[in-house]
Protein backbone atom coordinates (compact mmCIF):
# COMPACT_ATOMS: atom_id res chain seq x y z
CA UNK A 1 -0.25 0.07 0.12
CA UNK A 2 1.52 3.41 -0.91
CA UNK A 3 2.40 5.76 1.97
CA UNK A 4 0.57 8.74 2.78
CA UNK A 5 2.38 11.55 3.13
CA UNK A 6 -0.48 14.28 3.45
CA UNK A 7 -4.20 14.34 4.69
CA UNK A 8 -6.50 13.05 1.28
CA UNK A 9 -8.84 15.56 -0.20
CA UNK A 10 -11.55 13.29 -1.10
CA UNK A 11 -12.15 9.63 0.13
CA UNK A 12 -13.92 6.98 -2.26
CA UNK A 13 -16.34 5.03 -0.35
CA UNK A 14 -17.81 1.91 -1.60
CA UNK A 15 -20.15 -0.31 -0.11
CA UNK A 16 -20.01 -3.80 -1.17
CA UNK A 17 -21.92 -7.27 -1.50
CA UNK A 18 -20.95 -10.27 -3.10
CA UNK A 19 -20.09 -8.90 -6.74
CA UNK A 20 -16.49 -9.87 -6.59
CA UNK A 21 -15.88 -9.50 -10.07
CA UNK A 22 -17.79 -6.29 -10.64
CA UNK A 23 -15.96 -4.81 -7.41
CA UNK A 24 -12.62 -5.21 -9.27
CA UNK A 25 -13.58 -3.49 -11.85
CA UNK A 26 -14.63 -0.66 -10.19
CA UNK A 27 -11.08 -0.44 -8.08
CA UNK A 28 -9.13 -1.08 -11.17
CA UNK A 29 -10.80 2.13 -12.43
CA UNK A 30 -9.62 3.99 -10.24
CA UNK A 31 -6.33 3.20 -10.80
CA UNK A 32 -6.81 5.45 -14.00
CA UNK A 33 -7.96 8.61 -12.16
CA UNK A 34 -5.68 11.76 -13.07
CA UNK A 35 -5.94 13.15 -9.98
CA UNK A 36 -2.60 13.29 -7.71
CA UNK A 37 -2.87 9.37 -5.95
CA UNK A 38 -1.81 11.09 -2.59
CA UNK A 39 -5.07 13.28 -2.67
CA UNK A 40 -7.82 10.35 -2.49
CA UNK A 41 -8.03 7.21 -0.91
CA UNK A 42 -10.51 4.29 -1.21
CA UNK A 43 -12.27 2.42 1.30
CA UNK A 44 -14.42 -0.78 0.28
CA UNK A 45 -17.47 -1.69 2.92
CA UNK A 46 -18.33 -5.05 2.46
CA UNK A 47 -21.14 -6.87 4.53
CA UNK A 48 -20.54 -9.98 2.31
CA UNK A 49 -21.10 -13.59 4.10
CA UNK A 50 -17.63 -14.56 2.55
CA UNK A 51 -14.56 -13.07 1.93
CA UNK A 52 -13.87 -12.98 -1.53
CA UNK A 53 -14.05 -9.22 -1.26
CA UNK A 54 -11.69 -8.66 1.44
CA UNK A 55 -9.55 -11.07 -0.02
CA UNK A 56 -9.85 -8.66 -3.16
CA UNK A 57 -8.90 -5.30 -2.14
CA UNK A 58 -5.65 -7.33 0.06
CA UNK A 59 -4.96 -8.50 -3.45
CA UNK A 60 -5.48 -5.27 -5.02
CA UNK A 61 -3.76 -2.84 -2.53
CA UNK A 62 -0.26 -3.93 -2.65
CA UNK A 63 -0.46 -2.68 -6.55
CA UNK A 64 -2.60 0.24 -5.91
CA UNK A 65 -1.27 3.68 -6.67
CA UNK A 66 -3.71 4.75 -3.90
CA UNK A 67 -4.70 4.24 -0.21
CA UNK A 68 -7.09 1.34 -0.12
CA UNK A 69 -8.65 -0.35 2.73
CA UNK A 70 -11.29 -2.72 3.48
CA UNK A 71 -13.76 -2.87 6.29
CA UNK A 72 -16.61 -5.19 7.25
CA UNK A 73 -19.59 -5.13 9.06
CA UNK A 74 -23.13 -7.00 9.15
CA UNK A 75 -25.62 -6.48 6.56
CA UNK A 76 -27.88 -3.59 6.96
CA UNK A 77 -28.25 -2.02 3.36
CA UNK A 78 -25.75 -0.05 1.91
CA UNK A 79 -26.86 2.93 3.72
CA UNK A 80 -25.02 2.15 6.66
CA UNK A 81 -22.12 0.65 4.87
CA UNK A 82 -21.45 4.36 3.57
CA UNK A 83 -21.63 5.28 6.83
CA UNK A 84 -19.22 3.35 8.22
CA UNK A 85 -17.02 4.52 5.39
CA UNK A 86 -17.23 8.13 5.93
CA UNK A 87 -17.10 7.72 9.83
CA UNK A 88 -13.72 6.21 8.89
CA UNK A 89 -12.42 8.86 5.77
CA UNK A 90 -9.97 11.15 6.15
CA UNK A 91 -10.77 13.23 3.38
CA UNK A 92 -13.04 16.60 3.78
CA UNK A 93 -15.23 15.24 0.57
CA UNK A 94 -16.70 11.77 0.69
CA UNK A 95 -17.13 10.50 -2.96
CA UNK A 96 -19.58 7.61 -2.76
CA UNK A 97 -19.37 5.15 -5.89
CA UNK A 98 -21.59 1.66 -6.42
CA UNK A 99 -19.64 -1.67 -6.77
CA UNK A 100 -21.57 -2.19 -9.82
CA UNK A 101 -20.06 1.34 -11.27
CA UNK A 102 -16.40 1.79 -13.58
CA UNK A 103 -15.20 5.52 -12.81
CA UNK A 104 -13.40 7.84 -16.20
CA UNK A 105 -9.77 9.00 -15.59
CA UNK A 106 -10.91 12.50 -14.64
CA UNK A 107 -14.01 11.49 -12.73
CA UNK A 108 -12.60 12.84 -9.14
CA UNK A 109 -10.76 15.84 -10.68
CA UNK A 110 -14.02 17.05 -12.40
CA UNK A 111 -16.18 16.44 -8.91
CA UNK A 112 -14.10 18.08 -6.70
CA UNK A 113 -13.75 21.16 -9.34
CA UNK A 114 -17.78 21.65 -9.46
CA UNK A 115 -18.03 22.17 -5.11
CA UNK A 116 -17.93 26.52 -4.32
CA UNK A 117 -19.02 28.12 -1.01
CA UNK A 118 -22.49 26.74 0.24
CA UNK A 119 -22.30 23.73 -2.06
CA UNK A 120 -22.86 20.03 -0.20
CA UNK A 121 -23.57 17.82 -3.02
CA UNK A 122 -22.56 17.20 -6.28
CA UNK A 123 -24.22 14.79 -8.45
CA UNK A 124 -22.01 13.49 -11.16
CA UNK A 125 -23.07 11.73 -14.81
CA UNK A 126 -24.06 8.39 -14.92
CA UNK A 127 -24.18 6.13 -18.04
CA UNK A 128 -24.32 2.70 -19.17
CA UNK A 129 -21.47 0.30 -19.64
CA UNK A 130 -21.06 1.62 -23.39
CA UNK A 131 -19.64 -1.73 -23.89
CA UNK A 132 -22.38 -3.55 -22.76
CA UNK A 133 -24.94 -5.11 -24.64
CA UNK A 134 -28.82 -3.43 -24.05
CA UNK A 135 -32.02 -5.25 -24.98
CA UNK A 136 -35.70 -5.21 -23.45
CA UNK A 137 -34.86 -6.68 -20.26
CA UNK A 138 -32.04 -4.42 -19.34
CA UNK A 139 -30.96 -2.84 -16.00
CA UNK A 140 -28.84 0.28 -15.19
CA UNK A 141 -28.66 3.72 -14.00
CA UNK A 142 -28.54 6.55 -16.40
CA UNK A 143 -28.42 9.67 -15.18
CA UNK A 144 -28.08 12.94 -17.94
CA UNK A 145 -28.85 15.80 -15.49
CA UNK A 146 -29.59 16.61 -11.55
CA UNK A 147 -32.19 13.70 -10.25
CA UNK A 148 -34.09 14.88 -7.61
CA UNK A 149 -33.78 10.92 -6.21
CA UNK A 150 -29.92 11.50 -5.98
CA UNK A 151 -28.34 8.21 -6.55
CA UNK A 152 -25.74 7.30 -4.76
CA UNK A 153 -24.02 5.15 -7.67
CA UNK A 154 -22.32 8.45 -8.66
CA UNK A 155 -22.42 11.14 -6.09
CA UNK A 156 -19.78 13.61 -3.86
CA UNK A 157 -20.93 15.13 -0.53
CA UNK A 158 -18.80 17.64 2.01
CA UNK A 159 -17.89 15.66 5.21
CA UNK A 160 -19.81 18.65 7.06
CA UNK A 161 -22.94 18.05 5.47
CA UNK A 162 -23.22 14.57 5.93
CA UNK A 163 -22.06 14.87 9.52
CA UNK A 164 -24.59 17.37 9.91
CA UNK A 165 -27.64 15.26 8.49
CA UNK A 166 -26.61 12.51 10.35
CA UNK A 167 -26.18 9.85 7.62
CA UNK A 168 -27.67 7.24 5.53
CA UNK A 169 -30.89 4.96 7.57
CA UNK A 170 -31.00 1.57 7.42
CA UNK A 171 -32.72 -0.41 4.59
CA UNK A 172 -35.94 -2.17 4.73
CA UNK A 173 -34.47 -5.08 2.89
CA UNK A 174 -30.34 -5.36 4.20
CA UNK A 175 -29.72 -8.88 2.88
CA UNK A 176 -31.30 -8.13 -1.03
CA UNK A 177 -29.38 -8.40 -3.88
CA UNK A 178 -31.27 -5.36 -4.59
CA UNK A 179 -31.94 -3.03 -1.72
CA UNK A 180 -35.40 -1.75 -1.48
CA UNK A 181 -33.37 1.72 -1.37
CA UNK A 182 -34.58 5.56 -0.93
CA UNK A 183 -31.83 5.92 1.45
CA UNK A 184 -30.13 8.01 -0.62
CA UNK A 185 -32.60 10.02 -1.57
CA UNK A 186 -33.53 10.87 2.34
CA UNK A 187 -30.14 11.67 2.48
CA UNK A 188 -29.99 14.18 0.30
CA UNK A 189 -33.10 16.44 1.22
CA UNK A 190 -32.09 15.90 4.68
CA UNK A 191 -28.85 18.04 3.54
CA UNK A 192 -30.78 20.64 1.51
CA UNK A 193 -33.21 21.47 4.12
CA UNK A 194 -30.39 22.30 6.07
CA UNK A 195 -29.03 24.93 3.61
CA UNK A 196 -26.61 23.20 1.60
CA UNK A 197 -26.45 24.02 -2.29
CA UNK A 198 -26.50 21.33 -5.29
CA UNK A 199 -24.93 21.12 -8.16
CA UNK A 200 -24.48 18.80 -11.19
CA UNK A 201 -21.25 18.17 -12.65
CA UNK A 202 -21.42 16.07 -16.38
CA UNK A 203 -17.51 15.79 -16.54
CA UNK A 204 -18.05 13.49 -13.36
CA UNK A 205 -18.65 10.49 -15.63
CA UNK A 206 -19.07 7.06 -14.40
CA UNK A 207 -20.22 3.83 -16.29
CA UNK A 208 -22.95 1.55 -14.58
CA UNK A 209 -23.05 -2.16 -15.16
CA UNK A 210 -25.39 -3.21 -17.66
CA UNK A 211 -27.72 -6.48 -15.93
CA UNK A 212 -29.78 -8.84 -17.82
CA UNK A 213 -33.08 -9.26 -15.74
CA UNK A 214 -35.48 -12.15 -15.39
CA UNK A 215 -38.70 -10.69 -16.91
CA UNK A 216 -39.73 -10.83 -13.66
CA UNK A 217 -38.10 -8.10 -12.44
CA UNK A 218 -38.05 -6.24 -15.60
CA UNK A 219 -42.10 -6.50 -14.72
CA UNK A 220 -42.13 -6.13 -10.42
CA UNK A 221 -39.79 -2.95 -9.86
CA UNK A 222 -40.15 -3.32 -5.78
CA UNK A 223 -38.00 -0.02 -5.16
CA UNK A 224 -41.02 2.04 -6.37
CA UNK A 225 -42.78 0.89 -2.72
CA UNK A 226 -40.75 3.25 -0.87
CA UNK A 227 -41.19 6.17 -3.06
CA UNK A 228 -44.60 7.37 -1.27
CA UNK A 229 -42.37 7.26 1.76
CA UNK A 230 -40.71 9.77 0.04
CA UNK A 231 -43.03 12.12 -0.63
CA UNK A 232 -44.43 11.90 3.14
CA UNK A 233 -41.24 12.81 4.45
CA UNK A 234 -40.28 15.37 1.78
CA UNK A 235 -43.54 17.06 0.23
CA UNK A 236 -41.30 19.61 -1.84
CA UNK A 237 -41.06 16.16 -4.20
CA UNK A 238 -44.21 16.47 -5.42
CA UNK A 239 -42.97 19.46 -7.31
CA UNK A 240 -41.24 16.40 -9.44
CA UNK A 241 -44.41 14.36 -10.24
CA UNK A 242 -47.16 15.10 -12.73
CA UNK A 243 -49.76 16.73 -11.00
CA UNK A 244 -48.29 16.56 -7.41
CA UNK A 245 -50.11 12.61 -7.62
CA UNK A 246 -48.68 10.88 -10.28
CA UNK A 247 -44.76 9.07 -10.69
CA UNK A 248 -44.30 9.89 -13.94
CA UNK A 249 -46.30 10.97 -17.15
CA UNK A 250 -46.75 6.98 -18.29
CA UNK A 251 -48.68 7.01 -14.54
CA UNK A 252 -50.96 9.77 -15.12
CA UNK A 253 -51.74 8.19 -18.52
CA UNK A 254 -52.50 4.99 -17.36
CA UNK A 255 -54.72 6.25 -14.70
CA UNK A 256 -56.79 8.10 -17.64
CA UNK A 257 -56.87 5.17 -19.27
CA UNK A 258 -58.25 2.92 -16.25
CA UNK A 259 -61.24 5.65 -15.95
CA UNK A 260 -61.79 5.20 -19.60
CA UNK A 261 -62.31 1.26 -19.33
CA UNK A 262 -64.84 2.12 -15.98
CA UNK A 263 -66.70 5.00 -18.30
CA UNK A 264 -67.24 2.67 -21.14
CA UNK A 265 -69.54 0.92 -19.22
CA UNK A 266 -72.05 3.74 -19.57
CA UNK A 267 -70.77 5.21 -22.30
CA UNK A 268 -68.47 3.23 -25.01
CA UNK A 269 -66.59 6.13 -26.20
CA UNK A 270 -65.01 6.85 -22.93
CA UNK A 271 -62.28 4.17 -24.18
CA UNK A 272 -60.43 7.22 -26.12
CA UNK A 273 -59.54 8.21 -23.29
CA UNK A 274 -57.20 5.02 -23.57
CA UNK A 275 -55.77 6.54 -26.51
CA UNK A 276 -52.99 9.27 -25.02
CA UNK A 277 -51.79 6.51 -23.12
CA UNK A 278 -51.46 4.46 -26.49
CA UNK A 279 -50.12 7.38 -28.07
CA UNK A 280 -47.20 7.73 -25.47
CA UNK A 281 -46.29 4.24 -24.92
CA UNK A 282 -45.81 3.83 -29.13
CA UNK A 283 -44.00 7.23 -29.49
CA UNK A 284 -41.07 6.68 -26.91
CA UNK A 285 -37.45 6.12 -28.16
CA UNK A 286 -36.64 2.37 -28.11
CA UNK A 287 -34.23 -0.26 -29.31
CA UNK A 288 -36.29 -2.96 -29.87
CA UNK A 289 -40.00 -3.50 -30.91
CA UNK A 290 -40.09 -0.64 -33.36
CA UNK A 291 -42.42 -0.99 -36.31
CA UNK A 292 -45.53 -2.14 -35.77
CA UNK A 293 -44.09 -4.27 -33.47
CA UNK A 294 -44.37 -1.32 -31.35
CA UNK A 295 -48.05 -2.01 -30.81
CA UNK A 296 -47.05 -5.06 -28.86
CA UNK A 297 -44.77 -2.89 -27.22
CA UNK A 298 -48.21 -0.99 -25.73
CA UNK A 299 -49.37 -4.13 -24.63
CA UNK A 300 -46.08 -5.57 -22.69
CA UNK A 301 -45.98 -1.85 -21.11
CA UNK A 302 -49.90 -1.56 -20.06
CA UNK A 303 -48.85 -4.59 -18.25
CA UNK A 304 -45.75 -3.60 -16.61
CA UNK A 305 -47.26 0.24 -15.62
CA UNK A 306 -50.19 -1.64 -13.64
CA UNK A 307 -47.86 -3.53 -11.95
CA UNK A 308 -46.08 -0.66 -10.84
CA UNK A 309 -49.57 1.69 -10.55
CA UNK A 310 -50.60 -1.23 -8.04
CA UNK A 311 -47.06 -1.03 -6.25
CA UNK A 312 -47.46 2.54 -5.65
CA UNK A 313 -51.12 1.96 -4.50
CA UNK A 314 -49.70 -0.17 -1.50
CA UNK A 315 -46.70 2.28 -0.94
CA UNK A 316 -49.61 4.66 -0.73
CA UNK A 317 -51.39 2.63 1.85
CA UNK A 318 -48.91 1.39 3.64
CA UNK A 319 -47.48 5.32 4.38
CA UNK A 320 -50.52 7.34 4.18
CA UNK A 321 -49.60 9.44 1.48
CA UNK A 322 -50.53 9.40 -2.31
CA UNK A 323 -48.79 8.92 -5.14
CA UNK A 324 -49.84 6.12 -8.15
């Protein structure tokens, strides 16, 4: 491990749970950073049931141009792992990176440059791995502008803001390979409420791995369940929703379709209320099911959006905060 002769400016914190091969790619991408290696450190916080990730970090620590450490803890979801990471970090800026992401060479340098007086959060740009094949059931994170969810796949925090906010809450499904989520959004809005400013830095770029999800995971997006809870905690989130009570335009038009189907039992013309939804789904940019197959796409998305509607409705009832 290289000897650190001065306190690092930025500490990279990576929560890890299994997925050793992806974690290796993440750590190797940090080998290529164009920031002086003595200006940053990397902390992996592993909560896997085995020692594979810890062994990987030990193997790479002797080769890494930066200080590399591994901390171990019980599984509680990525939020508490990030807390342990920044509490043991030495940098004044904490850069959170997920273990399924690869950082571009200028990621740290550009992220740091975006901080100014009063800025507590800098969100970077996240794109799907350009070398990966994408299809109908592909899953990845893509962020091209500041997101009101403030996903921690690629985000920088000022340490002071993190300490003032109290850090990340635990996840409701700590042992799941795909946590329920929402802890990153909750933290960010606590920081914003404290008066810290936010910035988006398109040049702080990372690439997210592309996963081929099963048809069931494509259909059942469980993370939607926690969003009504977030709108209850932070009513200011509603200004990013469609008409304050719909998750997005597709869901608003789907609700209009439901109304048309119900009213059609009285007036057949009410089925015309389904047309805006069909037109919306048919006109979306897509890499698959083009041409006349777009009609098939409408059917698939109608089923998926209906399931998502029911998940949001269940979350609305559970947390007493309507969002459809």
